[in-house]
C-alpha atoms as a PDB file:
ATOM      1  CA  MET A   1      -0.036   0.013  -0.064  1.00  0.00           C
ATOM      2  CA  SER A   2       1.447   3.427  -0.862  1.00  0.00           C
ATOM      3  CA  ILE A   3       0.254   7.107  -0.400  1.00  0.00           C
ATOM      4  CA  GLU A   4       1.135  10.038  -2.607  1.00  0.00           C
ATOM      5  CA  PRO A   5      -0.189  13.707  -1.728  1.00  0.00           C
ATOM      6  CA  HIS A   6      -2.030  16.108  -3.776  1.00  0.00           C
ATOM      7  CA  ILE A   7      -2.073  14.346  -7.090  1.00  0.00           C
ATOM      8  CA  ILE A   8      -4.758  15.940  -9.488  1.00  0.00           C
ATOM      9  CA  ASP A   9      -6.620  13.110 -11.466  1.00  0.00           C
ATOM     10  CA  PRO A  10      -8.692  14.255 -14.372  1.00  0.00           C
ATOM     11  CA  LYS A  11     -11.821  12.456 -12.907  1.00  0.00           C
ATOM     12  CA  PHE A  12     -11.310  13.956  -9.395  1.00  0.00           C
ATOM     13  CA  THR A  13     -11.227  17.377 -10.968  1.00  0.00           C
ATOM     14  CA  ILE A  14     -14.405  16.767 -12.940  1.00  0.00           C
ATOM     15  CA  LEU A  15     -16.203  15.509  -9.950  1.00  0.00           C
ATOM     16  CA  PHE A  16     -15.231  18.071  -7.438  1.00  0.00           C
ATOM     17  CA  LYS A  17     -14.577  21.150  -9.541  1.00  0.00           C
ATOM     18  CA  ASP A  18     -16.696  21.000 -12.619  1.00  0.00           C
ATOM     19  CA  THR A  19     -19.758  19.138 -11.171  1.00  0.00           C
ATOM     20  CA  PHE A  20     -19.942  21.420  -8.058  1.00  0.00           C
ATOM     21  CA  GLY A  21     -18.701  24.657  -9.778  1.00  0.00           C
ATOM     22  CA  LEU A  22     -16.015  25.209  -7.109  1.00  0.00           C
ATOM     23  CA  ASN A  23     -13.897  28.227  -7.404  1.00  0.00           C
ATOM     24  CA  GLU A  24     -10.039  27.752  -7.458  1.00  0.00           C
ATOM     25  CA  LYS A  25      -9.663  28.453  -3.827  1.00  0.00           C
ATOM     26  CA  GLU A  26     -12.460  25.933  -2.898  1.00  0.00           C
ATOM     27  CA  PHE A  27     -10.855  23.364  -5.098  1.00  0.00           C
ATOM     28  CA  ASN A  28      -7.251  23.806  -3.866  1.00  0.00           C
ATOM     29  CA  MET A  29      -8.774  23.620  -0.231  1.00  0.00           C
ATOM     30  CA  LEU A  30     -10.415  20.390  -1.178  1.00  0.00           C
ATOM     31  CA  LEU A  31      -7.328  18.951  -3.023  1.00  0.00           C
ATOM     32  CA  SER A  32      -5.058  19.871  -0.100  1.00  0.00           C
ATOM     33  CA  CYS A  33      -7.091  17.460   2.190  1.00  0.00           C
ATOM     34  CA  PHE A  34      -6.913  14.363  -0.034  1.00  0.00           C
ATOM     35  CA  GLU A  35      -4.102  11.653  -0.430  1.00  0.00           C
ATOM     36  CA  VAL A  36      -3.941   9.203  -3.311  1.00  0.00           C
ATOM     37  CA  LYS A  37      -3.569   5.751  -1.998  1.00  0.00           C
ATOM     38  CA  TYR A  38      -2.634   2.889  -4.026  1.00  0.00           C
ATOM     39  CA  ILE A  39      -3.742  -0.521  -2.907  1.00  0.00           C
ATOM     40  CA  ARG A  40      -2.495  -3.885  -4.688  1.00  0.00           C
ATOM     41  CA  LYS A  41      -4.873  -6.655  -5.673  1.00  0.00           C
ATOM     42  CA  LYS A  42      -5.639  -9.011  -2.649  1.00  0.00           C
ATOM     43  CA  ASP A  43      -4.230  -6.182  -0.006  1.00  0.00           C
ATOM     44  CA  PHE A  44      -6.680  -4.904   2.542  1.00  0.00           C
ATOM     45  CA  TYR A  45      -7.675  -1.271   3.184  1.00  0.00           C
ATOM     46  CA  VAL A  46      -9.572  -2.014   6.319  1.00  0.00           C
ATOM     47  CA  LYS A  47      -9.379  -5.020   8.621  1.00  0.00           C
ATOM     48  CA  PRO A  48     -11.500  -5.919  11.784  1.00  0.00           C
ATOM     49  CA  GLY A  49      -9.964  -4.528  14.979  1.00  0.00           C
ATOM     50  CA  THR A  50      -8.658  -1.345  13.571  1.00  0.00           C
ATOM     51  CA  ILE A  51     -10.154   2.032  13.917  1.00  0.00           C
ATOM     52  CA  CYS A  52     -11.406   3.673  10.585  1.00  0.00           C
ATOM     53  CA  ARG A  53     -10.374   7.164  10.863  1.00  0.00           C
ATOM     54  CA  HIS A  54     -10.397   7.901   7.159  1.00  0.00           C
ATOM     55  CA  LYS A  55     -12.776   7.270   4.107  1.00  0.00           C
ATOM     56  CA  ALA A  56     -11.844   7.219   0.507  1.00  0.00           C
ATOM     57  CA  TYR A  57     -13.392   7.794  -2.867  1.00  0.00           C
ATOM     58  CA  VAL A  58     -12.777   4.796  -5.238  1.00  0.00           C
ATOM     59  CA  ASN A  59     -10.998   6.493  -8.160  1.00  0.00           C
ATOM     60  CA  LYS A  60     -10.027   3.403  -9.875  1.00  0.00           C
ATOM     61  CA  GLY A  61     -10.592  -0.348  -9.275  1.00  0.00           C
ATOM     62  CA  CYS A  62     -12.772  -2.493  -7.261  1.00  0.00           C
ATOM     63  CA  LEU A  63     -12.957  -3.821  -3.825  1.00  0.00           C
ATOM     64  CA  ARG A  64     -14.958  -6.193  -1.842  1.00  0.00           C
ATOM     65  CA  THR A  65     -16.517  -5.575   1.786  1.00  0.00           C
ATOM     66  CA  TYR A  66     -17.216  -8.532   3.712  1.00  0.00           C
ATOM     67  CA  VAL A  67     -17.653 -10.183   7.156  1.00  0.00           C
ATOM     68  CA  ILE A  68     -16.880 -13.591   8.514  1.00  0.00           C
ATOM     69  CA  ASP A  69     -20.066 -15.330   9.951  1.00  0.00           C
ATOM     70  CA  GLU A  70     -20.341 -17.556  12.829  1.00  0.00           C
ATOM     71  CA  LYS A  71     -19.503 -20.688  10.727  1.00  0.00           C
ATOM     72  CA  GLY A  72     -16.278 -19.089   9.361  1.00  0.00           C
ATOM     73  CA  HIS A  73     -17.760 -18.196   5.941  1.00  0.00           C
ATOM     74  CA  GLU A  74     -17.119 -15.037   3.980  1.00  0.00           C
ATOM     75  CA  ARG A  75     -20.377 -12.993   3.641  1.00  0.00           C
ATOM     76  CA  ILE A  76     -19.839 -10.272   0.959  1.00  0.00           C
ATOM     77  CA  LEU A  77     -21.725  -7.112   1.527  1.00  0.00           C
ATOM     78  CA  PHE A  78     -20.701  -4.672  -1.154  1.00  0.00           C
ATOM     79  CA  PHE A  79     -18.449  -4.441  -4.377  1.00  0.00           C
ATOM     80  CA  PRO A  80     -17.257  -0.958  -4.163  1.00  0.00           C
ATOM     81  CA  MET A  81     -16.249   0.168  -7.449  1.00  0.00           C
ATOM     82  CA  GLU A  82     -15.461   3.835  -9.080  1.00  0.00           C
ATOM     83  CA  ASP A  83     -17.590   6.580  -7.777  1.00  0.00           C
ATOM     84  CA  TRP A  84     -18.141   4.718  -4.320  1.00  0.00           C
ATOM     85  CA  TRP A  85     -16.894   5.807  -0.917  1.00  0.00           C
ATOM     86  CA  VAL A  86     -15.273   3.127   1.182  1.00  0.00           C
ATOM     87  CA  ALA A  87     -14.899   2.833   4.958  1.00  0.00           C
ATOM     88  CA  ASP A  88     -16.163   0.856   7.847  1.00  0.00           C
ATOM     89  CA  ILE A  89     -18.799   3.341   8.483  1.00  0.00           C
ATOM     90  CA  ASP A  90     -19.708   2.274  12.076  1.00  0.00           C
ATOM     91  CA  SER A  91     -16.190   2.390  13.023  1.00  0.00           C
ATOM     92  CA  TYR A  92     -15.763   5.710  11.266  1.00  0.00           C
ATOM     93  CA  TYR A  93     -18.459   7.487  12.888  1.00  0.00           C
ATOM     94  CA  SER A  94     -18.302   5.790  16.579  1.00  0.00           C
ATOM     95  CA  GLY A  95     -14.618   5.496  16.821  1.00  0.00           C
ATOM     96  CA  HIS A  96     -15.099   1.712  17.785  1.00  0.00           C
ATOM     97  CA  ALA A  97     -13.025  -1.059  16.180  1.00  0.00           C
ATOM     98  CA  ALA A  98     -14.053  -2.074  12.622  1.00  0.00           C
ATOM     99  CA  THR A  99     -15.956  -5.247  11.993  1.00  0.00           C
ATOM    100  CA  ASN A 100     -15.662  -5.584   8.221  1.00  0.00           C
ATOM    101  CA  TYR A 101     -12.892  -6.459   5.895  1.00  0.00           C
ATOM    102  CA  ILE A 102     -12.317  -4.296   2.781  1.00  0.00           C
ATOM    103  CA  GLN A 103     -10.124  -5.877   0.303  1.00  0.00           C
ATOM    104  CA  ALA A 104      -9.066  -4.978  -3.255  1.00  0.00           C
ATOM    105  CA  ILE A 105     -10.051  -7.302  -5.916  1.00  0.00           C
ATOM    106  CA  GLU A 106      -8.124  -5.236  -8.541  1.00  0.00           C
ATOM    107  CA  ASN A 107      -5.361  -2.769  -8.117  1.00  0.00           C
ATOM    108  CA  CYS A 108      -6.972   0.214  -6.709  1.00  0.00           C
ATOM    109  CA  GLU A 109      -6.350   4.050  -6.803  1.00  0.00           C
ATOM    110  CA  LEU A 110      -8.327   5.614  -3.763  1.00  0.00           C
ATOM    111  CA  LEU A 111      -8.540   9.368  -2.832  1.00  0.00           C
ATOM    112  CA  GLU A 112      -8.469   9.159   1.008  1.00  0.00           C
ATOM    113  CA  ILE A 113      -9.447  11.957   3.498  1.00  0.00           C
ATOM    114  CA  SER A 114      -9.365  11.982   7.282  1.00  0.00           C
ATOM    115  CA  LYS A 115     -12.699  12.355   9.166  1.00  0.00           C
ATOM    116  CA  GLU A 116     -11.531  15.740  10.553  1.00  0.00           C
ATOM    117  CA  ASP A 117     -10.659  17.125   7.106  1.00  0.00           C
ATOM    118  CA  PHE A 118     -13.954  15.851   5.634  1.00  0.00           C
ATOM    119  CA  GLN A 119     -15.937  17.669   8.476  1.00  0.00           C
ATOM    120  CA  MET A 120     -14.135  20.786   7.924  1.00  0.00           C
ATOM    121  CA  LEU A 121     -14.781  20.734   4.069  1.00  0.00           C
ATOM    122  CA  GLU A 122     -18.413  19.941   4.900  1.00  0.00           C
ATOM    123  CA  ASN A 123     -18.757  22.970   6.921  1.00  0.00           C
ATOM    124  CA  THR A 124     -16.795  25.244   4.583  1.00  0.00           C
ATOM    125  CA  ILE A 125     -18.414  24.023   1.252  1.00  0.00           C
ATOM    126  CA  PRO A 126     -22.051  23.137   1.968  1.00  0.00           C
ATOM    127  CA  ARG A 127     -22.498  21.821  -1.504  1.00  0.00           C
ATOM    128  CA  LEU A 128     -20.176  18.892  -0.780  1.00  0.00           C
ATOM    129  CA  LYS A 129     -22.230  18.050   2.186  1.00  0.00           C
ATOM    130  CA  GLN A 130     -25.450  18.019   0.220  1.00  0.00           C
ATOM    131  CA  TRP A 131     -23.926  15.806  -2.391  1.00  0.00           C
ATOM    132  CA  TYR A 132     -22.522  13.458   0.070  1.00  0.00           C
ATOM    133  CA  ILE A 133     -25.886  13.034   1.906  1.00  0.00           C
ATOM    134  CA  VAL A 134     -27.469  12.267  -1.400  1.00  0.00           C
ATOM    135  CA  LYS A 135     -24.830   9.551  -2.171  1.00  0.00           C
ATOM    136  CA  MET A 136     -25.155   7.973   1.399  1.00  0.00           C
ATOM    137  CA  THR A 137     -28.954   7.961   1.062  1.00  0.00           C
ATOM    138  CA  ARG A 138     -28.685   6.067  -2.241  1.00  0.00           C
ATOM    139  CA  ARG A 139     -26.417   3.631  -0.752  1.00  0.00           C
ATOM    140  CA  ALA A 140     -28.874   3.057   2.247  1.00  0.00           C
ATOM    141  CA  THR A 141     -31.431   2.583  -0.132  1.00  0.00           C
ATOM    142  CA  GLY A 142     -29.542   0.173  -2.218  1.00  0.00           C
ATOM    143  CA  SER A 143     -28.563  -1.888   1.053  1.00  0.00           C
ATOM    144  CA  ALA A 144     -32.245  -2.084   2.084  1.00  0.00           C
ATOM    145  CA  ARG A 145     -33.229  -3.248  -1.166  1.00  0.00           C
ATOM    146  CA  ARG A 146     -30.478  -5.984  -1.375  1.00  0.00           C
ATOM    147  CA  MET A 147     -31.626  -7.196   2.247  1.00  0.00           C
ATOM    148  CA  GLU A 148     -35.255  -7.516   0.702  1.00  0.00           C
ATOM    149  CA  GLU A 149     -33.990  -9.483  -2.282  1.00  0.00           C
ATOM    150  CA  LEU A 150     -32.067 -11.856  -0.217  1.00  0.00           C
ATOM    151  CA  ARG A 151     -35.265 -12.285   1.966  1.00  0.00           C
ATOM    152  CA  THR A 152     -37.911 -12.832  -0.789  1.00  0.00           C
ATOM    153  CA  MET A 153     -36.216 -13.862  -4.074  1.00  0.00           C
ATOM    154  CA  THR A 154     -35.088 -17.168  -5.257  1.00  0.00           C
ATOM    155  CA  PRO A 155     -31.407 -17.568  -6.054  1.00  0.00           C
ATOM    156  CA  GLN A 156     -32.289 -17.371  -9.801  1.00  0.00           C
ATOM    157  CA  GLU A 157     -34.219 -14.274  -9.347  1.00  0.00           C
ATOM    158  CA  ARG A 158     -31.111 -12.763  -7.312  1.00  0.00           C
ATOM    159  CA  TYR A 159     -28.733 -13.762 -10.063  1.00  0.00           C
ATOM    160  CA  VAL A 160     -30.951 -12.171 -12.891  1.00  0.00           C
ATOM    161  CA  SER A 161     -31.469  -9.096 -10.998  1.00  0.00           C
ATOM    162  CA  LEU A 162     -27.746  -8.681 -10.526  1.00  0.00           C
ATOM    163  CA  ILE A 163     -27.109  -9.274 -14.253  1.00  0.00           C
ATOM    164  CA  GLU A 164     -29.696  -6.643 -15.087  1.00  0.00           C
ATOM    165  CA  LYS A 165     -28.489  -4.017 -12.809  1.00  0.00           C
ATOM    166  CA  SER A 166     -24.747  -4.572 -12.822  1.00  0.00           C
ATOM    167  CA  PRO A 167     -23.696  -6.658 -15.676  1.00  0.00           C
ATOM    168  CA  GLU A 168     -20.075  -5.305 -15.437  1.00  0.00           C
ATOM    169  CA  ILE A 169     -19.578  -7.170 -12.122  1.00  0.00           C
ATOM    170  CA  PHE A 170     -19.265 -10.403 -13.936  1.00  0.00           C
ATOM    171  CA  ASP A 171     -16.227  -9.051 -15.907  1.00  0.00           C
ATOM    172  CA  ARG A 172     -14.366  -7.914 -12.871  1.00  0.00           C
ATOM    173  CA  ILE A 173     -15.265 -10.189  -9.845  1.00  0.00           C
ATOM    174  CA  PRO A 174     -14.563 -13.862  -9.192  1.00  0.00           C
ATOM    175  CA  LEU A 175     -17.518 -16.047  -9.475  1.00  0.00           C
ATOM    176  CA  GLN A 176     -16.961 -17.377  -5.876  1.00  0.00           C
ATOM    177  CA  ASP A 177     -17.223 -13.907  -4.631  1.00  0.00           C
ATOM    178  CA  ILE A 178     -20.338 -13.151  -6.741  1.00  0.00           C
ATOM    179  CA  ALA A 179     -21.766 -16.423  -5.128  1.00  0.00           C
ATOM    180  CA  SER A 180     -21.148 -15.205  -1.659  1.00  0.00           C
ATOM    181  CA  TYR A 181     -22.795 -11.873  -2.487  1.00  0.00           C
ATOM    182  CA  LEU A 182     -25.849 -13.639  -3.689  1.00  0.00           C
ATOM    183  CA  ASN A 183     -25.889 -16.049  -0.788  1.00  0.00           C
ATOM    184  CA  ILE A 184     -25.692 -19.171  -2.770  1.00  0.00           C
ATOM    185  CA  GLU A 185     -23.267 -21.900  -3.138  1.00  0.00           C
ATOM    186  CA  PRO A 186     -20.526 -21.420  -6.012  1.00  0.00           C
ATOM    187  CA  GLN A 187     -21.750 -24.715  -7.584  1.00  0.00           C
ATOM    188  CA  SER A 188     -25.063 -23.452  -7.691  1.00  0.00           C
ATOM    189  CA  LEU A 189     -24.146 -20.240  -9.398  1.00  0.00           C
ATOM    190  CA  SER A 190     -22.326 -22.440 -12.063  1.00  0.00           C
ATOM    191  CA  ARG A 191     -25.479 -24.379 -12.525  1.00  0.00           C
ATOM    192  CA  LEU A 192     -27.681 -21.446 -12.854  1.00  0.00           C
ATOM    193  CA  ARG A 193     -25.285 -19.741 -15.453  1.00  0.00           C
ATOM    194  CA  ARG A 194     -25.321 -22.981 -17.562  1.00  0.00           C
ATOM    195  CA  LYS A 195     -29.077 -23.131 -17.336  1.00  0.00           C
ATOM    196  CA  LEU A 196     -29.838 -19.669 -18.304  1.00  0.00           C
ATOM    197  CA  THR A 197     -27.134 -19.692 -21.026  1.00  0.00           C
ATOM    198  CA  LYS A 198     -29.091 -22.524 -22.724  1.00  0.00           C
ATOM    199  CA  HIS A 199     -32.395 -20.522 -22.788  1.00  0.00           C
END
């Protein structure tokens, strides 16, 4: 894992400067609060037991957020990709130890900011706070929808729903991780894929 300060990435500039219409002073203030962090494939951004004092915008790459259940099985919660924010949210806000693993599936470029700096920016540039609230509301809505799907849908329905909503996942994420995310066995996922391919 490596960190470099104050590197201007074109997508970063478009998001925070052009999208929000920040003036040069506001943008430079924002830029000074971020560091670019590179995480290699299979390395961890967060592990249980650590305190999550930063969060990061996924500029490039894909990660997986998961927990270990009482039987020792991985249960994947999210696949953060570009334009996601990543952190163990409970640890970030409460100061308690993290309970989630956040691991890179691909080589990743994250734009990381501390909790203190983010709060300062929210207070100084209200448009950023409004935008982040919208992003987190959408994430919470998506999480609630996912829990409802796990509770009410059959494995095949969950699989088809994922293909329709996020087809790019199947090009970037190992099938065993997709199976965990869908809460089905890898063998069952393989059978489903073969079955639906024939139709």
